[in-house]
Amino acid sequence: MSSHSVPVISVVGWSNSGKTTFLEKLVAELKARGIKVGIIKHHHGPFEIDRPGKDTWRLFQAGAECTAIAGPGKVGLVIRSAGDMPPGDIAALMPEVDLVITEGYKGSAYPQIEVRRAGHYRGEPSSSARQLVAVCGDMALCEEGLPCFSSEDIAGAAGFIIDLINRR
């Protein structure tokens, strides 16, 4: 594990609220500001990032605890774990990042930014009230008196995040 602690924040929201679209724009803005970002996408069911039948998939199926595929400019890592690996443990495996943002992990203890979009908001936060630090999306759905950013104000959201991680 890494010896330094990378700040982690979570982007949460109900299904189809625009989390991934927000993150695409946010990552580009943070990168433009010199911030190296790692992303952890939380998935609630089984998934495969390896292709069935390929060598690394076959070796993982055979019982390897960890497999990696590496090529010029890119490395993929698959690690066997019992249950959900905590985001902080995953973040520690990400080299040379300044910030890790999770998509999901609504129950985590990390600061959470909730993305809200009309028609996909259930009238109650998807986030943990204790962890909610800002809302992004449809301004009419920002009810808690927290910092709010419209879907177009990616620069404002990025500035808020930079200030947040600098205070920690």
N, C-alpha and C. Protein backbone atom coordinates (compact mmCIF):
# COMPACT_ATOMS: atom_id res chain seq x y z
N MET A 1 0.83 -1.19 0.00
CA MET A 1 0.00 0.00 0.00
C MET A 1 0.88 1.25 0.00
N SER A 2 0.31 2.33 -0.50
CA SER A 2 1.02 3.59 -0.57
C SER A 2 1.26 4.16 0.82
N SER A 3 2.36 4.86 0.98
CA SER A 3 2.66 5.44 2.28
C SER A 3 1.97 6.78 2.48
N HIS A 4 1.49 7.40 1.41
CA HIS A 4 0.79 8.67 1.57
C HIS A 4 -0.71 8.46 1.43
N SER A 5 -1.44 9.33 2.08
CA SER A 5 -2.89 9.23 2.05
C SER A 5 -3.44 10.18 0.99
N VAL A 6 -4.08 9.63 0.00
CA VAL A 6 -4.66 10.41 -1.08
C VAL A 6 -6.07 10.83 -0.67
N PRO A 7 -6.43 12.10 -0.84
CA PRO A 7 -7.80 12.50 -0.51
C PRO A 7 -8.80 11.78 -1.42
N VAL A 8 -9.91 11.39 -0.82
CA VAL A 8 -10.97 10.71 -1.56
C VAL A 8 -12.27 11.48 -1.34
N ILE A 9 -13.00 11.72 -2.42
CA ILE A 9 -14.35 12.27 -2.33
C ILE A 9 -15.25 11.39 -3.17
N SER A 10 -16.54 11.41 -2.86
CA SER A 10 -17.50 10.58 -3.59
C SER A 10 -18.50 11.45 -4.32
N VAL A 11 -18.78 11.08 -5.56
CA VAL A 11 -19.86 11.68 -6.33
C VAL A 11 -20.99 10.66 -6.32
N VAL A 12 -22.14 11.08 -5.78
CA VAL A 12 -23.27 10.18 -5.62
C VAL A 12 -24.50 10.79 -6.28
N GLY A 13 -25.54 9.99 -6.38
CA GLY A 13 -26.81 10.46 -6.94
C GLY A 13 -27.64 9.27 -7.35
N TRP A 14 -28.92 9.51 -7.52
CA TRP A 14 -29.81 8.45 -7.96
C TRP A 14 -29.44 8.03 -9.38
N SER A 15 -29.89 6.86 -9.79
CA SER A 15 -29.62 6.32 -11.12
C SER A 15 -30.03 7.32 -12.20
N ASN A 16 -29.20 7.46 -13.21
CA ASN A 16 -29.44 8.33 -14.36
C ASN A 16 -29.49 9.82 -14.01
N SER A 17 -28.86 10.20 -12.90
CA SER A 17 -28.86 11.61 -12.50
C SER A 17 -27.80 12.43 -13.24
N GLY A 18 -26.87 11.76 -13.92
CA GLY A 18 -25.83 12.46 -14.66
C GLY A 18 -24.46 12.42 -14.00
N LYS A 19 -24.24 11.45 -13.12
CA LYS A 19 -22.97 11.36 -12.40
C LYS A 19 -21.78 11.20 -13.34
N THR A 20 -21.88 10.28 -14.28
CA THR A 20 -20.74 10.02 -15.17
C THR A 20 -20.47 11.22 -16.08
N THR A 21 -21.52 11.84 -16.59
CA THR A 21 -21.35 13.02 -17.44
C THR A 21 -20.68 14.14 -16.65
N PHE A 22 -21.13 14.36 -15.42
CA PHE A 22 -20.51 15.36 -14.53
C PHE A 22 -19.04 15.02 -14.32
N LEU A 23 -18.75 13.75 -14.02
CA LEU A 23 -17.37 13.34 -13.77
C LEU A 23 -16.47 13.52 -14.99
N GLU A 24 -16.98 13.22 -16.17
CA GLU A 24 -16.18 13.42 -17.39
C GLU A 24 -15.70 14.86 -17.49
N LYS A 25 -16.63 15.79 -17.29
CA LYS A 25 -16.29 17.22 -17.38
C LYS A 25 -15.39 17.64 -16.23
N LEU A 26 -15.68 17.14 -15.03
CA LEU A 26 -14.91 17.49 -13.85
C LEU A 26 -13.47 17.01 -13.96
N VAL A 27 -13.27 15.78 -14.40
CA VAL A 27 -11.91 15.24 -14.54
C VAL A 27 -11.12 16.08 -15.54
N ALA A 28 -11.74 16.45 -16.66
CA ALA A 28 -11.06 17.27 -17.66
C ALA A 28 -10.67 18.63 -17.06
N GLU A 29 -11.57 19.24 -16.28
CA GLU A 29 -11.29 20.54 -15.65
C GLU A 29 -10.17 20.42 -14.62
N LEU A 30 -10.23 19.38 -13.78
CA LEU A 30 -9.18 19.20 -12.77
C LEU A 30 -7.83 18.93 -13.43
N LYS A 31 -7.83 18.14 -14.49
CA LYS A 31 -6.58 17.86 -15.21
C LYS A 31 -6.00 19.15 -15.79
N ALA A 32 -6.88 20.00 -16.34
CA ALA A 32 -6.43 21.28 -16.89
C ALA A 32 -5.80 22.16 -15.81
N ARG A 33 -6.18 21.93 -14.55
CA ARG A 33 -5.63 22.70 -13.43
C ARG A 33 -4.42 22.01 -12.79
N GLY A 34 -3.96 20.93 -13.41
CA GLY A 34 -2.77 20.23 -12.93
C GLY A 34 -3.03 19.20 -11.85
N ILE A 35 -4.30 18.83 -11.62
CA ILE A 35 -4.65 17.82 -10.61
C ILE A 35 -4.75 16.46 -11.30
N LYS A 36 -3.98 15.49 -10.79
CA LYS A 36 -4.03 14.13 -11.32
C LYS A 36 -5.12 13.36 -10.55
N VAL A 37 -6.12 12.87 -11.27
CA VAL A 37 -7.30 12.26 -10.66
C VAL A 37 -7.37 10.77 -10.95
N GLY A 38 -7.67 9.99 -9.93
CA GLY A 38 -8.02 8.58 -10.08
C GLY A 38 -9.51 8.45 -9.84
N ILE A 39 -10.14 7.52 -10.52
CA ILE A 39 -11.59 7.30 -10.39
C ILE A 39 -11.83 5.85 -9.96
N ILE A 40 -12.75 5.68 -9.01
CA ILE A 40 -13.21 4.34 -8.62
C ILE A 40 -14.71 4.31 -8.88
N LYS A 41 -15.15 3.44 -9.76
CA LYS A 41 -16.57 3.27 -10.06
C LYS A 41 -17.08 2.11 -9.22
N HIS A 42 -18.04 2.39 -8.33
CA HIS A 42 -18.61 1.33 -7.50
C HIS A 42 -19.71 0.63 -8.28
N HIS A 43 -19.64 -0.68 -8.30
CA HIS A 43 -20.63 -1.50 -9.01
C HIS A 43 -21.26 -2.45 -8.01
N HIS A 44 -22.56 -2.58 -8.04
CA HIS A 44 -23.26 -3.36 -7.01
C HIS A 44 -23.33 -4.86 -7.28
N GLY A 45 -23.00 -5.28 -8.46
CA GLY A 45 -23.08 -6.71 -8.77
C GLY A 45 -21.79 -7.21 -9.36
N PRO A 46 -21.79 -8.48 -9.75
CA PRO A 46 -20.58 -9.05 -10.37
C PRO A 46 -20.26 -8.31 -11.68
N PHE A 47 -19.00 -8.23 -12.01
CA PHE A 47 -18.60 -7.59 -13.25
C PHE A 47 -17.32 -8.24 -13.76
N GLU A 48 -17.03 -8.04 -15.02
CA GLU A 48 -15.77 -8.49 -15.61
C GLU A 48 -15.16 -7.32 -16.36
N ILE A 49 -13.91 -7.00 -16.07
CA ILE A 49 -13.20 -6.05 -16.91
C ILE A 49 -12.26 -6.79 -17.84
N ASP A 50 -12.04 -8.05 -17.51
CA ASP A 50 -11.23 -8.92 -18.33
C ASP A 50 -12.16 -9.61 -19.32
N ARG A 51 -11.65 -9.96 -20.47
CA ARG A 51 -12.50 -10.63 -21.45
C ARG A 51 -12.40 -12.15 -21.29
N PRO A 52 -13.55 -12.81 -21.11
CA PRO A 52 -13.52 -14.27 -20.99
C PRO A 52 -12.72 -14.93 -22.11
N GLY A 53 -11.90 -15.88 -21.71
CA GLY A 53 -11.08 -16.61 -22.67
C GLY A 53 -9.69 -16.04 -22.85
N LYS A 54 -9.48 -14.77 -22.51
CA LYS A 54 -8.16 -14.15 -22.65
C LYS A 54 -7.24 -14.66 -21.53
N ASP A 55 -5.93 -14.53 -21.74
CA ASP A 55 -4.95 -15.11 -20.81
C ASP A 55 -5.14 -14.66 -19.36
N THR A 56 -5.26 -13.35 -19.13
CA THR A 56 -5.38 -12.88 -17.75
C THR A 56 -6.67 -13.37 -17.12
N TRP A 57 -7.75 -13.43 -17.87
CA TRP A 57 -9.02 -13.95 -17.37
C TRP A 57 -8.86 -15.41 -16.98
N ARG A 58 -8.22 -16.20 -17.87
CA ARG A 58 -8.01 -17.63 -17.60
C ARG A 58 -7.18 -17.84 -16.35
N LEU A 59 -6.14 -17.03 -16.17
CA LEU A 59 -5.26 -17.18 -15.00
C LEU A 59 -5.98 -16.76 -13.72
N PHE A 60 -6.83 -15.74 -13.78
CA PHE A 60 -7.62 -15.34 -12.61
C PHE A 60 -8.61 -16.45 -12.27
N GLN A 61 -9.26 -17.01 -13.29
CA GLN A 61 -10.20 -18.12 -13.08
C GLN A 61 -9.49 -19.33 -12.48
N ALA A 62 -8.21 -19.52 -12.80
CA ALA A 62 -7.44 -20.63 -12.27
C ALA A 62 -7.09 -20.44 -10.80
N GLY A 63 -7.27 -19.21 -10.28
CA GLY A 63 -7.05 -18.98 -8.86
C GLY A 63 -6.03 -17.92 -8.50
N ALA A 64 -5.45 -17.23 -9.48
CA ALA A 64 -4.50 -16.16 -9.15
C ALA A 64 -5.20 -15.12 -8.29
N GLU A 65 -4.53 -14.63 -7.26
CA GLU A 65 -5.09 -13.60 -6.38
C GLU A 65 -5.14 -12.25 -7.07
N CYS A 66 -4.25 -12.04 -8.03
CA CYS A 66 -4.17 -10.77 -8.73
C CYS A 66 -3.62 -11.02 -10.12
N THR A 67 -4.20 -10.38 -11.11
CA THR A 67 -3.65 -10.42 -12.46
C THR A 67 -3.53 -8.99 -12.97
N ALA A 68 -2.56 -8.78 -13.83
CA ALA A 68 -2.38 -7.47 -14.44
C ALA A 68 -2.07 -7.66 -15.90
N ILE A 69 -2.53 -6.74 -16.70
CA ILE A 69 -2.13 -6.69 -18.09
C ILE A 69 -1.50 -5.34 -18.30
N ALA A 70 -0.36 -5.32 -18.93
CA ALA A 70 0.40 -4.08 -19.10
C ALA A 70 0.84 -3.93 -20.53
N GLY A 71 0.79 -2.72 -21.00
CA GLY A 71 1.26 -2.38 -22.33
C GLY A 71 1.72 -0.93 -22.31
N PRO A 72 2.14 -0.43 -23.44
CA PRO A 72 2.61 0.96 -23.48
C PRO A 72 1.53 1.94 -23.00
N GLY A 73 1.82 2.61 -21.89
CA GLY A 73 0.95 3.67 -21.42
C GLY A 73 -0.29 3.26 -20.64
N LYS A 74 -0.45 1.97 -20.32
CA LYS A 74 -1.68 1.53 -19.66
C LYS A 74 -1.46 0.22 -18.92
N VAL A 75 -2.04 0.11 -17.71
CA VAL A 75 -1.97 -1.12 -16.92
C VAL A 75 -3.36 -1.40 -16.38
N GLY A 76 -3.80 -2.63 -16.49
CA GLY A 76 -5.06 -3.06 -15.89
C GLY A 76 -4.77 -4.06 -14.79
N LEU A 77 -5.44 -3.91 -13.64
CA LEU A 77 -5.17 -4.76 -12.49
C LEU A 77 -6.48 -5.34 -11.98
N VAL A 78 -6.52 -6.64 -11.77
CA VAL A 78 -7.68 -7.31 -11.21
C VAL A 78 -7.21 -7.99 -9.93
N ILE A 79 -7.87 -7.67 -8.82
CA ILE A 79 -7.50 -8.20 -7.51
C ILE A 79 -8.67 -8.96 -6.92
N ARG A 80 -8.43 -10.15 -6.44
CA ARG A 80 -9.46 -10.93 -5.77
C ARG A 80 -9.66 -10.34 -4.37
N SER A 81 -10.91 -10.14 -3.96
CA SER A 81 -11.18 -9.63 -2.61
C SER A 81 -12.42 -10.30 -2.06
N ALA A 82 -12.48 -10.36 -0.74
CA ALA A 82 -13.67 -10.89 -0.08
C ALA A 82 -14.60 -9.71 0.16
N GLY A 83 -15.65 -9.59 -0.60
CA GLY A 83 -16.56 -8.47 -0.46
C GLY A 83 -16.04 -7.21 -1.12
N ASP A 84 -16.61 -6.07 -0.75
CA ASP A 84 -16.20 -4.78 -1.31
C ASP A 84 -14.90 -4.32 -0.66
N MET A 85 -13.90 -4.04 -1.47
CA MET A 85 -12.65 -3.47 -0.97
C MET A 85 -12.93 -2.00 -0.67
N PRO A 86 -12.52 -1.49 0.49
CA PRO A 86 -12.76 -0.09 0.82
C PRO A 86 -12.10 0.86 -0.19
N PRO A 87 -12.76 1.97 -0.52
CA PRO A 87 -12.19 2.90 -1.49
C PRO A 87 -10.80 3.40 -1.12
N GLY A 88 -10.53 3.60 0.17
CA GLY A 88 -9.20 4.06 0.58
C GLY A 88 -8.11 3.06 0.25
N ASP A 89 -8.43 1.77 0.37
CA ASP A 89 -7.46 0.73 0.01
C ASP A 89 -7.20 0.72 -1.50
N ILE A 90 -8.26 0.93 -2.27
CA ILE A 90 -8.10 0.99 -3.73
C ILE A 90 -7.31 2.24 -4.11
N ALA A 91 -7.63 3.36 -3.48
CA ALA A 91 -6.93 4.62 -3.76
C ALA A 91 -5.43 4.47 -3.52
N ALA A 92 -5.07 3.73 -2.47
CA ALA A 92 -3.65 3.54 -2.15
C ALA A 92 -2.90 2.78 -3.25
N LEU A 93 -3.63 2.07 -4.10
CA LEU A 93 -3.01 1.33 -5.20
C LEU A 93 -2.81 2.19 -6.45
N MET A 94 -3.35 3.40 -6.42
CA MET A 94 -3.29 4.27 -7.59
C MET A 94 -2.06 5.17 -7.49
N PRO A 95 -1.07 4.92 -8.35
CA PRO A 95 0.17 5.70 -8.25
C PRO A 95 0.01 7.12 -8.81
N GLU A 96 0.70 8.03 -8.18
CA GLU A 96 0.87 9.39 -8.71
C GLU A 96 -0.44 10.14 -8.95
N VAL A 97 -1.45 9.93 -8.09
CA VAL A 97 -2.66 10.73 -8.20
C VAL A 97 -2.73 11.70 -7.02
N ASP A 98 -3.35 12.85 -7.26
CA ASP A 98 -3.51 13.86 -6.22
C ASP A 98 -4.85 13.74 -5.52
N LEU A 99 -5.80 13.10 -6.18
CA LEU A 99 -7.17 13.01 -5.70
C LEU A 99 -7.81 11.77 -6.29
N VAL A 100 -8.59 11.07 -5.48
CA VAL A 100 -9.40 9.95 -5.99
C VAL A 100 -10.86 10.33 -5.80
N ILE A 101 -11.63 10.17 -6.86
CA ILE A 101 -13.06 10.42 -6.82
C ILE A 101 -13.77 9.10 -7.06
N THR A 102 -14.68 8.78 -6.16
CA THR A 102 -15.48 7.57 -6.38
C THR A 102 -16.80 7.98 -7.02
N GLU A 103 -17.30 7.11 -7.85
CA GLU A 103 -18.67 7.26 -8.35
C GLU A 103 -19.47 6.20 -7.61
N GLY A 104 -20.23 6.66 -6.63
CA GLY A 104 -20.97 5.74 -5.79
C GLY A 104 -20.43 5.75 -4.37
N TYR A 105 -20.58 4.65 -3.69
CA TYR A 105 -20.21 4.53 -2.27
C TYR A 105 -21.02 5.51 -1.42
N LYS A 106 -22.33 5.49 -1.60
CA LYS A 106 -23.24 6.40 -0.87
C LYS A 106 -23.10 6.27 0.65
N GLY A 107 -22.73 5.11 1.14
CA GLY A 107 -22.61 4.90 2.57
C GLY A 107 -21.24 5.17 3.13
N SER A 108 -20.34 5.71 2.31
CA SER A 108 -18.96 5.90 2.76
C SER A 108 -18.83 7.09 3.70
N ALA A 109 -17.69 7.15 4.36
CA ALA A 109 -17.40 8.26 5.29
C ALA A 109 -16.69 9.40 4.58
N TYR A 110 -16.56 9.34 3.26
CA TYR A 110 -15.87 10.40 2.52
C TYR A 110 -16.84 11.54 2.21
N PRO A 111 -16.30 12.76 2.02
CA PRO A 111 -17.18 13.87 1.61
C PRO A 111 -17.90 13.50 0.31
N GLN A 112 -19.18 13.86 0.23
CA GLN A 112 -19.99 13.49 -0.92
C GLN A 112 -20.56 14.72 -1.62
N ILE A 113 -20.48 14.69 -2.95
CA ILE A 113 -21.14 15.68 -3.79
C ILE A 113 -22.25 14.93 -4.50
N GLU A 114 -23.48 15.40 -4.33
CA GLU A 114 -24.62 14.72 -4.94
C GLU A 114 -25.01 15.41 -6.24
N VAL A 115 -25.17 14.62 -7.29
CA VAL A 115 -25.64 15.11 -8.59
C VAL A 115 -27.14 14.88 -8.64
N ARG A 116 -27.88 15.94 -8.95
CA ARG A 116 -29.34 15.85 -9.00
C ARG A 116 -29.84 16.39 -10.35
N ARG A 117 -30.79 15.66 -10.91
CA ARG A 117 -31.38 16.06 -12.19
C ARG A 117 -32.88 15.84 -12.10
N ALA A 118 -33.64 16.85 -12.51
CA ALA A 118 -35.10 16.75 -12.51
C ALA A 118 -35.54 15.50 -13.26
N GLY A 119 -36.53 14.83 -12.72
CA GLY A 119 -37.03 13.59 -13.33
C GLY A 119 -36.29 12.36 -12.84
N HIS A 120 -35.15 12.57 -12.18
CA HIS A 120 -34.36 11.44 -11.66
C HIS A 120 -34.05 11.62 -10.18
N TYR A 121 -34.65 12.63 -9.57
CA TYR A 121 -34.45 12.91 -8.15
C TYR A 121 -35.69 12.42 -7.41
N ARG A 122 -35.49 11.67 -6.34
CA ARG A 122 -36.60 11.04 -5.62
C ARG A 122 -37.17 11.91 -4.50
N GLY A 123 -36.74 13.16 -4.43
CA GLY A 123 -37.24 14.05 -3.39
C GLY A 123 -36.51 13.93 -2.08
N GLU A 124 -35.52 13.06 -2.04
CA GLU A 124 -34.68 12.91 -0.85
C GLU A 124 -33.26 12.61 -1.31
N PRO A 125 -32.29 13.04 -0.54
CA PRO A 125 -30.90 12.82 -0.93
C PRO A 125 -30.57 11.33 -1.06
N SER A 126 -29.73 11.01 -2.01
CA SER A 126 -29.22 9.64 -2.12
C SER A 126 -28.01 9.49 -1.21
N SER A 127 -27.49 10.61 -0.77
CA SER A 127 -26.25 10.63 0.00
C SER A 127 -26.51 10.52 1.50
N SER A 128 -25.42 10.35 2.23
CA SER A 128 -25.47 10.39 3.69
C SER A 128 -25.49 11.85 4.10
N ALA A 129 -26.49 12.26 4.87
CA ALA A 129 -26.62 13.67 5.27
C ALA A 129 -25.36 14.19 5.96
N ARG A 130 -24.71 13.34 6.74
CA ARG A 130 -23.49 13.77 7.46
C ARG A 130 -22.33 14.03 6.50
N GLN A 131 -22.32 13.35 5.37
CA GLN A 131 -21.19 13.44 4.45
C GLN A 131 -21.43 14.41 3.30
N LEU A 132 -22.66 14.83 3.08
CA LEU A 132 -22.99 15.69 1.95
C LEU A 132 -22.34 17.06 2.12
N VAL A 133 -21.52 17.47 1.14
CA VAL A 133 -20.82 18.75 1.23
C VAL A 133 -21.24 19.73 0.13
N ALA A 134 -21.86 19.22 -0.94
CA ALA A 134 -22.30 20.10 -2.04
C ALA A 134 -23.28 19.34 -2.93
N VAL A 135 -24.00 20.11 -3.73
CA VAL A 135 -24.95 19.56 -4.69
C VAL A 135 -24.62 20.15 -6.06
N CYS A 136 -24.72 19.32 -7.09
CA CYS A 136 -24.46 19.76 -8.45
C CYS A 136 -25.61 19.30 -9.33
N GLY A 137 -26.03 20.14 -10.26
CA GLY A 137 -27.09 19.76 -11.19
C GLY A 137 -28.16 20.83 -11.25
N ASP A 138 -29.41 20.40 -11.19
CA ASP A 138 -30.54 21.33 -11.27
C ASP A 138 -30.62 22.14 -9.99
N MET A 139 -30.45 23.45 -10.12
CA MET A 139 -30.39 24.34 -8.96
C MET A 139 -31.68 24.30 -8.13
N ALA A 140 -32.81 24.03 -8.76
CA ALA A 140 -34.08 23.97 -8.02
C ALA A 140 -34.11 22.81 -7.02
N LEU A 141 -33.21 21.85 -7.19
CA LEU A 141 -33.18 20.67 -6.32
C LEU A 141 -32.15 20.81 -5.20
N CYS A 142 -31.55 21.97 -5.08
CA CYS A 142 -30.56 22.23 -4.03
C CYS A 142 -31.30 22.80 -2.83
N GLU A 143 -31.53 21.97 -1.82
CA GLU A 143 -32.42 22.34 -0.72
C GLU A 143 -31.73 22.47 0.63
N GLU A 144 -30.52 22.00 0.79
CA GLU A 144 -29.90 21.89 2.11
C GLU A 144 -29.15 23.12 2.59
N GLY A 145 -29.02 24.16 1.77
CA GLY A 145 -28.23 25.31 2.17
C GLY A 145 -26.74 25.07 2.03
N LEU A 146 -26.37 24.07 1.25
CA LEU A 146 -24.96 23.76 0.99
C LEU A 146 -24.53 24.44 -0.31
N PRO A 147 -23.22 24.46 -0.60
CA PRO A 147 -22.80 24.97 -1.90
C PRO A 147 -23.49 24.20 -3.02
N CYS A 148 -23.97 24.95 -4.03
CA CYS A 148 -24.66 24.34 -5.16
C CYS A 148 -24.02 24.82 -6.46
N PHE A 149 -23.89 23.92 -7.39
CA PHE A 149 -23.28 24.23 -8.67
C PHE A 149 -24.20 23.72 -9.77
N SER A 150 -24.47 24.55 -10.76
CA SER A 150 -25.28 24.10 -11.89
C SER A 150 -24.48 23.09 -12.69
N SER A 151 -25.15 22.34 -13.53
CA SER A 151 -24.47 21.34 -14.37
C SER A 151 -23.41 21.97 -15.26
N GLU A 152 -23.59 23.26 -15.58
CA GLU A 152 -22.64 23.95 -16.46
C GLU A 152 -21.46 24.55 -15.69
N ASP A 153 -21.57 24.68 -14.36
CA ASP A 153 -20.54 25.33 -13.57
C ASP A 153 -19.48 24.32 -13.09
N ILE A 154 -18.84 23.69 -14.04
CA ILE A 154 -17.80 22.70 -13.73
C ILE A 154 -16.60 23.39 -13.09
N ALA A 155 -16.27 24.60 -13.55
CA ALA A 155 -15.14 25.33 -12.96
C ALA A 155 -15.40 25.63 -11.49
N GLY A 156 -16.63 26.01 -11.15
CA GLY A 156 -16.98 26.29 -9.76
C GLY A 156 -16.88 25.04 -8.89
N ALA A 157 -17.38 23.90 -9.42
CA ALA A 157 -17.32 22.64 -8.68
C ALA A 157 -15.86 22.22 -8.49
N ALA A 158 -15.04 22.38 -9.53
CA ALA A 158 -13.62 22.01 -9.44
C ALA A 158 -12.91 22.87 -8.39
N GLY A 159 -13.19 24.16 -8.39
CA GLY A 159 -12.60 25.06 -7.39
C GLY A 159 -13.00 24.67 -5.98
N PHE A 160 -14.28 24.32 -5.80
CA PHE A 160 -14.76 23.88 -4.49
C PHE A 160 -14.02 22.63 -4.04
N ILE A 161 -13.84 21.67 -4.93
CA ILE A 161 -13.15 20.41 -4.60
C ILE A 161 -11.70 20.68 -4.24
N ILE A 162 -11.03 21.53 -4.99
CA ILE A 162 -9.62 21.85 -4.70
C ILE A 162 -9.53 22.49 -3.32
N ASP A 163 -10.43 23.43 -3.01
CA ASP A 163 -10.43 24.04 -1.68
C ASP A 163 -10.69 23.00 -0.60
N LEU A 164 -11.62 22.09 -0.86
CA LEU A 164 -11.96 21.04 0.10
C LEU A 164 -10.77 20.16 0.41
N ILE A 165 -10.06 19.69 -0.62
CA ILE A 165 -8.93 18.79 -0.36
C ILE A 165 -7.74 19.55 0.24
N ASN A 166 -7.63 20.84 -0.05
CA ASN A 166 -6.54 21.62 0.55
C ASN A 166 -6.78 21.88 2.04
N ARG A 167 -8.03 21.84 2.47
CA ARG A 167 -8.36 22.05 3.89
C ARG A 167 -8.15 20.80 4.72
N ARG A 168 -8.06 19.64 4.10
CA ARG A 168 -7.96 18.37 4.82
C ARG A 168 -6.54 18.02 5.16
